[in-house]
PDB file of N, CA and C in Angstrom:
ATOM      1  N   MET A   1     -43.326 -18.209  -2.161  1.00  0.00           N
ATOM      2  CA  MET A   1     -42.439 -18.989  -0.784  1.00  0.00           C
ATOM      3  C   MET A   1     -42.546 -19.813  -0.440  1.00  0.00           C
ATOM      4  N   PHE A   2     -41.647 -20.913  -0.445  1.00  0.00           N
ATOM      5  CA  PHE A   2     -42.009 -22.020   0.434  1.00  0.00           C
ATOM      6  C   PHE A   2     -40.958 -22.148   1.869  1.00  0.00           C
ATOM      7  N   LEU A   3     -41.581 -22.433   2.660  1.00  0.00           N
ATOM      8  CA  LEU A   3     -41.224 -22.304   4.595  1.00  0.00           C
ATOM      9  C   LEU A   3     -40.415 -23.577   4.367  1.00  0.00           C
ATOM     10  N   ARG A   4     -39.386 -24.107   5.509  1.00  0.00           N
ATOM     11  CA  ARG A   4     -38.752 -25.425   5.666  1.00  0.00           C
ATOM     12  C   ARG A   4     -40.222 -26.380   5.824  1.00  0.00           C
ATOM     13  N   ALA A   5     -41.171 -25.741   6.342  1.00  0.00           N
ATOM     14  CA  ALA A   5     -42.114 -26.914   7.069  1.00  0.00           C
ATOM     15  C   ALA A   5     -43.348 -27.103   5.847  1.00  0.00           C
ATOM     16  N   ASP A   6     -42.970 -26.490   4.626  1.00  0.00           N
ATOM     17  CA  ASP A   6     -43.655 -26.200   3.570  1.00  0.00           C
ATOM     18  C   ASP A   6     -43.033 -28.150   2.136  1.00  0.00           C
ATOM     19  N   LYS A   7     -41.898 -28.303   2.659  1.00  0.00           N
ATOM     20  CA  LYS A   7     -41.657 -29.358   2.135  1.00  0.00           C
ATOM     21  C   LYS A   7     -41.070 -30.378   2.837  1.00  0.00           C
ATOM     22  N   VAL A   8     -40.731 -31.826   2.071  1.00  0.00           N
ATOM     23  CA  VAL A   8     -40.317 -32.741   2.348  1.00  0.00           C
ATOM     24  C   VAL A   8     -39.235 -32.937   2.050  1.00  0.00           C
ATOM     25  N   MET A   9     -38.136 -33.479   2.312  1.00  0.00           N
ATOM     26  CA  MET A   9     -36.954 -33.986   1.955  1.00  0.00           C
ATOM     27  C   MET A   9     -36.827 -35.551   1.477  1.00  0.00           C
ATOM     28  N   PHE A  10     -36.623 -36.111   0.340  1.00  0.00           N
ATOM     29  CA  PHE A  10     -36.630 -37.256   0.132  1.00  0.00           C
ATOM     30  C   PHE A  10     -34.811 -37.894  -0.657  1.00  0.00           C
ATOM     31  N   GLU A  11     -34.952 -38.880   0.000  1.00  0.00           N
ATOM     32  CA  GLU A  11     -33.439 -39.772  -1.036  1.00  0.00           C
ATOM     33  C   GLU A  11     -34.290 -40.901  -1.472  1.00  0.00           C
ATOM     34  N   ILE A  12     -33.958 -41.476  -2.935  1.00  0.00           N
ATOM     35  CA  ILE A  12     -33.656 -42.643  -3.433  1.00  0.00           C
ATOM     36  C   ILE A  12     -32.154 -43.539  -3.582  1.00  0.00           C
ATOM     37  N   TYR A  13     -32.288 -44.465  -3.600  1.00  0.00           N
ATOM     38  CA  TYR A  13     -30.925 -45.167  -3.024  1.00  0.00           C
ATOM     39  C   TYR A  13     -30.910 -46.307  -3.026  1.00  0.00           C
ATOM     40  N   ARG A  14     -30.085 -46.654  -3.873  1.00  0.00           N
ATOM     41  CA  ARG A  14     -29.641 -48.344  -3.808  1.00  0.00           C
ATOM     42  C   ARG A  14     -29.079 -48.887  -2.743  1.00  0.00           C
ATOM     43  N   GLU A  15     -29.530 -50.148  -1.788  1.00  0.00           N
ATOM     44  CA  GLU A  15     -28.727 -50.877  -1.103  1.00  0.00           C
ATOM     45  C   GLU A  15     -27.538 -51.414  -1.662  1.00  0.00           C
ATOM     46  N   ALA A  16     -26.490 -51.498  -0.853  1.00  0.00           N
ATOM     47  CA  ALA A  16     -25.530 -52.651  -0.930  1.00  0.00           C
ATOM     48  C   ALA A  16     -25.345 -53.486  -1.100  1.00  0.00           C
ATOM     49  N   SER A  17     -26.227 -54.154  -0.221  1.00  0.00           N
ATOM     50  CA  SER A  17     -26.370 -55.687  -0.299  1.00  0.00           C
ATOM     51  C   SER A  17     -26.726 -56.513  -1.525  1.00  0.00           C
ATOM     52  N   TYR A  18     -26.675 -57.532  -1.624  1.00  0.00           N
ATOM     53  CA  TYR A  18     -26.593 -58.382  -2.692  1.00  0.00           C
ATOM     54  C   TYR A  18     -28.410 -58.226  -3.519  1.00  0.00           C
ATOM     55  N   ALA A  19     -29.214 -57.516  -2.890  1.00  0.00           N
ATOM     56  CA  ALA A  19     -30.229 -57.605  -3.457  1.00  0.00           C
ATOM     57  C   ALA A  19     -30.465 -56.400  -4.159  1.00  0.00           C
ATOM     58  N   ALA A  20     -29.661 -55.417  -3.738  1.00  0.00           N
ATOM     59  CA  ALA A  20     -29.316 -53.901  -4.538  1.00  0.00           C
ATOM     60  C   ALA A  20     -30.692 -53.571  -4.682  1.00  0.00           C
ATOM     61  N   ARG A  21     -31.797 -53.593  -3.825  1.00  0.00           N
ATOM     62  CA  ARG A  21     -32.905 -53.415  -4.120  1.00  0.00           C
ATOM     63  C   ARG A  21     -32.825 -51.369  -4.092  1.00  0.00           C
ATOM     64  N   TYR A  22     -33.796 -50.682  -4.591  1.00  0.00           N
ATOM     65  CA  TYR A  22     -34.065 -49.291  -4.395  1.00  0.00           C
ATOM     66  C   TYR A  22     -34.606 -49.055  -3.403  1.00  0.00           C
ATOM     67  N   HIS A  23     -34.567 -48.357  -2.241  1.00  0.00           N
ATOM     68  CA  HIS A  23     -35.397 -47.594  -1.334  1.00  0.00           C
ATOM     69  C   HIS A  23     -35.590 -45.760  -1.760  1.00  0.00           C
ATOM     70  N   VAL A  24     -36.563 -45.891  -0.677  1.00  0.00           N
ATOM     71  CA  VAL A  24     -36.753 -44.151  -0.586  1.00  0.00           C
ATOM     72  C   VAL A  24     -37.242 -44.053   0.737  1.00  0.00           C
ATOM     73  N   VAL A  25     -36.394 -42.954   1.193  1.00  0.00           N
ATOM     74  CA  VAL A  25     -36.664 -42.298   2.320  1.00  0.00           C
ATOM     75  C   VAL A  25     -37.350 -41.072   2.542  1.00  0.00           C
ATOM     76  N   TYR A  26     -37.942 -40.404   3.234  1.00  0.00           N
ATOM     77  CA  TYR A  26     -38.457 -39.440   3.420  1.00  0.00           C
ATOM     78  C   TYR A  26     -37.969 -38.565   5.034  1.00  0.00           C
ATOM     79  N   TYR A  27     -36.949 -38.039   5.026  1.00  0.00           N
ATOM     80  CA  TYR A  27     -36.102 -37.481   5.656  1.00  0.00           C
ATOM     81  C   TYR A  27     -37.037 -36.444   6.890  1.00  0.00           C
ATOM     82  N   THR A  28     -37.840 -35.720   6.409  1.00  0.00           N
ATOM     83  CA  THR A  28     -38.564 -34.756   6.992  1.00  0.00           C
ATOM     84  C   THR A  28     -39.319 -34.968   7.913  1.00  0.00           C
ATOM     85  N   ASP A  29     -39.953 -36.400   7.389  1.00  0.00           N
ATOM     86  CA  ASP A  29     -41.318 -37.069   8.090  1.00  0.00           C
ATOM     87  C   ASP A  29     -40.679 -38.213   9.196  1.00  0.00           C
ATOM     88  N   LEU A  30     -39.318 -38.026   9.252  1.00  0.00           N
ATOM     89  CA  LEU A  30     -38.715 -38.987  10.374  1.00  0.00           C
ATOM     90  C   LEU A  30     -39.003 -38.497  11.601  1.00  0.00           C
ATOM     91  N   ASP A  31     -39.076 -39.231  12.807  1.00  0.00           N
ATOM     92  CA  ASP A  31     -38.463 -38.932  13.901  1.00  0.00           C
ATOM     93  C   ASP A  31     -36.725 -39.470  14.420  1.00  0.00           C
ATOM     94  N   GLU A  32     -36.697 -38.838  15.522  1.00  0.00           N
ATOM     95  CA  GLU A  32     -35.152 -38.732  15.594  1.00  0.00           C
ATOM     96  C   GLU A  32     -34.480 -39.900  15.491  1.00  0.00           C
ATOM     97  N   GLN A  33     -35.448 -41.503  16.303  1.00  0.00           N
ATOM     98  CA  GLN A  33     -34.858 -42.405  16.637  1.00  0.00           C
ATOM     99  C   GLN A  33     -34.506 -43.045  15.139  1.00  0.00           C
ATOM    100  N   GLN A  34     -35.699 -42.639  14.118  1.00  0.00           N
ATOM    101  CA  GLN A  34     -35.555 -43.382  12.850  1.00  0.00           C
ATOM    102  C   GLN A  34     -34.411 -42.634  11.903  1.00  0.00           C
ATOM    103  N   ARG A  35     -34.369 -41.164  12.063  1.00  0.00           N
ATOM    104  CA  ARG A  35     -33.426 -40.608  11.538  1.00  0.00           C
ATOM    105  C   ARG A  35     -31.986 -40.992  11.295  1.00  0.00           C
ATOM    106  N   ASP A  36     -31.773 -41.426  12.586  1.00  0.00           N
ATOM    107  CA  ASP A  36     -30.722 -41.947  12.390  1.00  0.00           C
ATOM    108  C   ASP A  36     -30.302 -43.351  11.430  1.00  0.00           C
ATOM    109  N   ARG A  37     -31.133 -44.310  12.061  1.00  0.00           N
ATOM    110  CA  ARG A  37     -31.091 -45.488  11.182  1.00  0.00           C
ATOM    111  C   ARG A  37     -31.017 -45.589   9.840  1.00  0.00           C
ATOM    112  N   GLU A  38     -32.043 -44.639   9.426  1.00  0.00           N
ATOM    113  CA  GLU A  38     -32.258 -44.137   7.699  1.00  0.00           C
ATOM    114  C   GLU A  38     -31.252 -43.670   7.319  1.00  0.00           C
ATOM    115  N   VAL A  39     -30.673 -42.346   7.909  1.00  0.00           N
ATOM    116  CA  VAL A  39     -29.635 -41.551   7.157  1.00  0.00           C
ATOM    117  C   VAL A  39     -28.500 -43.077   7.203  1.00  0.00           C
ATOM    118  N   ASN A  40     -28.179 -43.616   7.994  1.00  0.00           N
ATOM    119  CA  ASN A  40     -27.190 -44.945   8.179  1.00  0.00           C
ATOM    120  C   ASN A  40     -27.237 -45.972   6.716  1.00  0.00           C
ATOM    121  N   ARG A  41     -28.253 -46.064   6.734  1.00  0.00           N
ATOM    122  CA  ARG A  41     -28.931 -46.818   5.680  1.00  0.00           C
ATOM    123  C   ARG A  41     -29.006 -46.295   4.361  1.00  0.00           C
ATOM    124  N   ALA A  42     -29.138 -45.625   3.853  1.00  0.00           N
ATOM    125  CA  ALA A  42     -29.235 -44.322   2.846  1.00  0.00           C
ATOM    126  C   ALA A  42     -27.415 -44.274   2.817  1.00  0.00           C
ATOM    127  N   LEU A  43     -26.620 -44.168   3.674  1.00  0.00           N
ATOM    128  CA  LEU A  43     -24.986 -43.740   3.032  1.00  0.00           C
ATOM    129  C   LEU A  43     -24.062 -44.755   3.016  1.00  0.00           C
ATOM    130  N   ALA A  44     -24.794 -46.141   3.537  1.00  0.00           N
ATOM    131  CA  ALA A  44     -24.047 -47.389   2.964  1.00  0.00           C
ATOM    132  C   ALA A  44     -24.623 -47.486   1.552  1.00  0.00           C
ATOM    133  N   GLY A  45     -25.606 -46.946   1.251  1.00  0.00           N
ATOM    134  CA  GLY A  45     -26.247 -47.608   0.031  1.00  0.00           C
ATOM    135  C   GLY A  45     -25.370 -46.260  -1.417  1.00  0.00           C
ATOM    136  N   ASP A  46     -25.925 -46.608  -2.522  1.00  0.00           N
ATOM    137  CA  ASP A  46     -25.765 -45.747  -3.607  1.00  0.00           C
ATOM    138  C   ASP A  46     -26.675 -44.235  -3.992  1.00  0.00           C
ATOM    139  N   HIS A  47     -26.452 -43.448  -3.838  1.00  0.00           N
ATOM    140  CA  HIS A  47     -27.460 -42.359  -3.776  1.00  0.00           C
ATOM    141  C   HIS A  47     -28.094 -42.501  -5.331  1.00  0.00           C
ATOM    142  N   PHE A  48     -29.317 -42.474  -5.796  1.00  0.00           N
ATOM    143  CA  PHE A  48     -29.969 -42.502  -6.852  1.00  0.00           C
ATOM    144  C   PHE A  48     -30.153 -41.018  -7.426  1.00  0.00           C
ATOM    145  N   THR A  49     -31.140 -40.093  -6.534  1.00  0.00           N
ATOM    146  CA  THR A  49     -31.264 -38.693  -6.471  1.00  0.00           C
ATOM    147  C   THR A  49     -31.947 -38.711  -5.284  1.00  0.00           C
ATOM    148  N   SER A  50     -32.322 -37.165  -4.944  1.00  0.00           N
ATOM    149  CA  SER A  50     -33.192 -37.007  -3.894  1.00  0.00           C
ATOM    150  C   SER A  50     -33.381 -35.157  -4.464  1.00  0.00           C
ATOM    151  N   GLY A  51     -34.240 -34.812  -3.610  1.00  0.00           N
ATOM    152  CA  GLY A  51     -34.869 -33.553  -3.540  1.00  0.00           C
ATOM    153  C   GLY A  51     -36.068 -33.258  -2.655  1.00  0.00           C
ATOM    154  N   PHE A  52     -36.393 -31.713  -2.847  1.00  0.00           N
ATOM    155  CA  PHE A  52     -37.698 -31.800  -1.696  1.00  0.00           C
ATOM    156  C   PHE A  52     -39.206 -31.894  -2.890  1.00  0.00           C
ATOM    157  N   ILE A  53     -40.449 -32.230  -2.090  1.00  0.00           N
ATOM    158  CA  ILE A  53     -41.525 -32.201  -2.518  1.00  0.00           C
ATOM    159  C   ILE A  53     -42.368 -31.329  -1.648  1.00  0.00           C
ATOM    160  N   SER A  54     -43.483 -30.664  -2.439  1.00  0.00           N
ATOM    161  CA  SER A  54     -44.557 -29.326  -1.296  1.00  0.00           C
ATOM    162  C   SER A  54     -44.934 -31.136  -0.035  1.00  0.00           C
ATOM    163  N   ASN A  55     -44.966 -30.329   0.660  1.00  0.00           N
ATOM    164  CA  ASN A  55     -46.022 -30.433   1.424  1.00  0.00           C
ATOM    165  C   ASN A  55     -47.280 -30.718   1.526  1.00  0.00           C
ATOM    166  N   HIS A  56     -47.808 -29.745   0.655  1.00  0.00           N
ATOM    167  CA  HIS A  56     -49.536 -29.434  -0.012  1.00  0.00           C
ATOM    168  C   HIS A  56     -49.876 -30.829  -0.285  1.00  0.00           C
ATOM    169  N   ARG A  57     -49.003 -31.092  -0.929  1.00  0.00           N
ATOM    170  CA  ARG A  57     -49.366 -32.409  -2.203  1.00  0.00           C
ATOM    171  C   ARG A  57     -48.616 -33.542  -1.823  1.00  0.00           C
ATOM    172  N   LYS A  58     -47.747 -33.999  -1.201  1.00  0.00           N
ATOM    173  CA  LYS A  58     -47.209 -34.916  -0.423  1.00  0.00           C
ATOM    174  C   LYS A  58     -47.515 -36.321  -0.616  1.00  0.00           C
ATOM    175  N   GLU A  59     -48.610 -36.230  -0.527  1.00  0.00           N
ATOM    176  CA  GLU A  59     -49.088 -37.960  -0.521  1.00  0.00           C
ATOM    177  C   GLU A  59     -49.483 -38.187  -1.892  1.00  0.00           C
ATOM    178  N   GLU A  60     -50.037 -37.342  -2.952  1.00  0.00           N
ATOM    179  CA  GLU A  60     -49.756 -37.639  -4.152  1.00  0.00           C
ATOM    180  C   GLU A  60     -48.229 -37.797  -4.783  1.00  0.00           C
ATOM    181  N   ALA A  61     -47.087 -36.798  -4.235  1.00  0.00           N
ATOM    182  CA  ALA A  61     -45.817 -37.043  -4.616  1.00  0.00           C
ATOM    183  C   ALA A  61     -45.512 -38.720  -4.434  1.00  0.00           C
ATOM    184  N   LYS A  62     -45.616 -38.818  -3.003  1.00  0.00           N
ATOM    185  CA  LYS A  62     -45.040 -40.230  -2.445  1.00  0.00           C
ATOM    186  C   LYS A  62     -45.812 -41.018  -3.321  1.00  0.00           C
ATOM    187  N   GLN A  63     -46.744 -41.078  -3.944  1.00  0.00           N
ATOM    188  CA  GLN A  63     -47.374 -42.446  -4.557  1.00  0.00           C
ATOM    189  C   GLN A  63     -46.681 -42.576  -5.666  1.00  0.00           C
ATOM    190  N   ILE A  64     -46.618 -41.098  -6.885  1.00  0.00           N
ATOM    191  CA  ILE A  64     -45.788 -41.518  -7.720  1.00  0.00           C
ATOM    192  C   ILE A  64     -43.809 -42.151  -8.011  1.00  0.00           C
ATOM    193  N   ILE A  65     -43.599 -41.300  -6.537  1.00  0.00           N
ATOM    194  CA  ILE A  65     -42.011 -41.915  -5.997  1.00  0.00           C
ATOM    195  C   ILE A  65     -42.208 -43.484  -6.079  1.00  0.00           C
ATOM    196  N   ALA A  66     -43.185 -43.934  -5.036  1.00  0.00           N
ATOM    197  CA  ALA A  66     -43.643 -45.553  -5.002  1.00  0.00           C
ATOM    198  C   ALA A  66     -43.494 -46.057  -6.417  1.00  0.00           C
ATOM    199  N   ALA A  67     -44.109 -45.698  -7.087  1.00  0.00           N
ATOM    200  CA  ALA A  67     -43.977 -46.217  -8.663  1.00  0.00           C
ATOM    201  C   ALA A  67     -43.012 -46.291  -9.109  1.00  0.00           C
ATOM    202  N   PHE A  68     -42.348 -45.396  -9.012  1.00  0.00           N
ATOM    203  CA  PHE A  68     -40.978 -44.864  -9.978  1.00  0.00           C
ATOM    204  C   PHE A  68     -39.851 -46.223  -8.980  1.00  0.00           C
ATOM    205  N   VAL A  69     -39.723 -46.173  -7.641  1.00  0.00           N
ATOM    206  CA  VAL A  69     -38.964 -47.317  -6.982  1.00  0.00           C
ATOM    207  C   VAL A  69     -39.404 -48.523  -7.481  1.00  0.00           C
ATOM    208  N   ALA A  70     -40.421 -48.965  -7.695  1.00  0.00           N
ATOM    209  CA  ALA A  70     -41.212 -49.998  -8.059  1.00  0.00           C
ATOM    210  C   ALA A  70     -40.697 -50.770  -9.376  1.00  0.00           C
ATOM    211  N   ARG A  71     -40.818 -49.451 -10.527  1.00  0.00           N
ATOM    212  CA  ARG A  71     -40.081 -49.597 -11.091  1.00  0.00           C
ATOM    213  C   ARG A  71     -38.854 -50.102 -11.620  1.00  0.00           C
ATOM    214  N   LEU A  72     -37.900 -49.319 -10.868  1.00  0.00           N
ATOM    215  CA  LEU A  72     -36.264 -49.175 -10.888  1.00  0.00           C
ATOM    216  C   LEU A  72     -36.420 -50.864 -10.310  1.00  0.00           C
ATOM    217  N   ASN A  73     -37.013 -51.040  -9.307  1.00  0.00           N
ATOM    218  CA  ASN A  73     -36.640 -52.663  -8.612  1.00  0.00           C
ATOM    219  C   ASN A  73     -37.283 -53.539  -9.610  1.00  0.00           C
ATOM    220  N   GLU A  74     -37.924 -53.267 -10.443  1.00  0.00           N
ATOM    221  CA  GLU A  74     -38.127 -54.349 -11.837  1.00  0.00           C
ATOM    222  C   GLU A  74     -37.098 -54.565 -12.860  1.00  0.00           C
ATOM    223  N   ALA A  75     -35.822 -53.682 -12.439  1.00  0.00           N
ATOM    224  CA  ALA A  75     -35.067 -53.474 -13.546  1.00  0.00           C
ATOM    225  C   ALA A  75     -35.206 -52.613 -15.048  1.00  0.00           C
ATOM    226  N   GLU A  76     -36.185 -52.310 -14.160  1.00  0.00           N
ATOM    227  CA  GLU A  76     -36.731 -50.859 -15.615  1.00  0.00           C
ATOM    228  C   GLU A  76     -35.377 -49.934 -15.775  1.00  0.00           C
ATOM    229  N   PRO A  77     -34.810 -49.755 -16.848  1.00  0.00           N
ATOM    230  CA  PRO A  77     -33.624 -48.552 -16.807  1.00  0.00           C
ATOM    231  C   PRO A  77     -33.850 -47.291 -16.776  1.00  0.00           C
ATOM    232  N   LEU A  78     -34.092 -46.553 -15.886  1.00  0.00           N
ATOM    233  CA  LEU A  78     -34.996 -45.378 -15.403  1.00  0.00           C
ATOM    234  C   LEU A  78     -33.934 -44.376 -15.311  1.00  0.00           C
ATOM    235  N   GLN A  79     -34.159 -42.725 -15.515  1.00  0.00           N
ATOM    236  CA  GLN A  79     -33.119 -41.968 -14.968  1.00  0.00           C
ATOM    237  C   GLN A  79     -33.877 -40.789 -14.259  1.00  0.00           C
ATOM    238  N   THR A  80     -32.783 -40.151 -13.714  1.00  0.00           N
ATOM    239  CA  THR A  80     -33.640 -39.261 -12.973  1.00  0.00           C
ATOM    240  C   THR A  80     -34.394 -38.556 -13.381  1.00  0.00           C
ATOM    241  N   ALA A  81     -33.974 -37.499 -14.498  1.00  0.00           N
ATOM    242  CA  ALA A  81     -35.075 -36.888 -15.314  1.00  0.00           C
ATOM    243  C   ALA A  81     -36.376 -37.708 -15.474  1.00  0.00           C
ATOM    244  N   GLN A  82     -36.779 -38.381 -15.460  1.00  0.00           N
ATOM    245  CA  GLN A  82     -38.313 -39.079 -15.949  1.00  0.00           C
ATOM    246  C   GLN A  82     -39.036 -39.065 -14.572  1.00  0.00           C
ATOM    247  N   LEU A  83     -38.043 -39.019 -13.679  1.00  0.00           N
ATOM    248  CA  LEU A  83     -38.907 -38.942 -12.102  1.00  0.00           C
ATOM    249  C   LEU A  83     -39.028 -37.548 -12.097  1.00  0.00           C
ATOM    250  N   ALA A  84     -38.175 -36.580 -11.998  1.00  0.00           N
ATOM    251  CA  ALA A  84     -38.024 -34.788 -12.039  1.00  0.00           C
ATOM    252  C   ALA A  84     -39.436 -34.656 -12.965  1.00  0.00           C
ATOM    253  N   GLU A  85     -39.754 -34.885 -14.338  1.00  0.00           N
ATOM    254  CA  GLU A  85     -40.739 -35.152 -15.295  1.00  0.00           C
ATOM    255  C   GLU A  85     -42.340 -35.110 -14.654  1.00  0.00           C
ATOM    256  N   ALA A  86     -42.005 -36.768 -13.924  1.00  0.00           N
ATOM    257  CA  ALA A  86     -43.652 -36.948 -13.263  1.00  0.00           C
ATOM    258  C   ALA A  86     -43.437 -36.177 -11.977  1.00  0.00           C
ATOM    259  N   LEU A  87     -42.620 -35.441 -11.339  1.00  0.00           N
ATOM    260  CA  LEU A  87     -42.776 -34.659 -10.308  1.00  0.00           C
ATOM    261  C   LEU A  87     -43.040 -33.351 -10.408  1.00  0.00           C
ATOM    262  N   ALA A  88     -42.876 -32.912 -11.737  1.00  0.00           N
ATOM    263  CA  ALA A  88     -43.092 -31.739 -12.159  1.00  0.00           C
ATOM    264  C   ALA A  88     -43.781 -30.743 -11.221  1.00  0.00           C
ATOM    265  N   GLY A  89     -44.831 -30.856 -10.995  1.00  0.00           N
ATOM    266  CA  GLY A  89     -46.611 -29.836 -10.095  1.00  0.00           C
ATOM    267  C   GLY A  89     -46.097 -30.544  -9.200  1.00  0.00           C
ATOM    268  N   PHE A  90     -45.330 -31.271  -8.290  1.00  0.00           N
ATOM    269  CA  PHE A  90     -44.542 -31.281  -6.929  1.00  0.00           C
ATOM    270  C   PHE A  90     -43.539 -31.395  -6.260  1.00  0.00           C
ATOM    271  N   LEU A  91     -42.696 -30.556  -6.742  1.00  0.00           N
ATOM    272  CA  LEU A  91     -41.555 -30.139  -6.511  1.00  0.00           C
ATOM    273  C   LEU A  91     -41.498 -29.117  -5.653  1.00  0.00           C
ATOM    274  N   ALA A  92     -40.548 -29.145  -4.424  1.00  0.00           N
ATOM    275  CA  ALA A  92     -40.710 -27.540  -4.039  1.00  0.00           C
ATOM    276  C   ALA A  92     -39.176 -26.986  -4.312  1.00  0.00           C
ATOM    277  N   PRO A  93     -39.149 -25.627  -4.208  1.00  0.00           N
ATOM    278  CA  PRO A  93     -37.464 -24.970  -4.527  1.00  0.00           C
ATOM    279  C   PRO A  93     -36.714 -25.537  -3.225  1.00  0.00           C
ATOM    280  N   VAL A  94     -35.399 -25.803  -3.720  1.00  0.00           N
ATOM    281  CA  VAL A  94     -34.332 -25.639  -2.679  1.00  0.00           C
ATOM    282  C   VAL A  94     -34.286 -24.774  -1.729  1.00  0.00           C
TER     283      VAL A  94
END
């Protein structure tokens, strides 16, 4: 069973500016000042996907997510199912 502290909430979104770059934000890792700014940025962009990763292996999961975001920013046509597959052992239940 996962407790709230055992997982990290993340979101991948595409910014609404001309560059339209993809970004990831780890909400659970933010402090209060960062949270407001990052939430506003994500809300201004287009949601791509979100979920929870296990806190136990979050650094490994963050590397997978960072590589996925980099591929999106290289205009590779990726689907959310591909990220879910890559994160299969790292996702925490909602």
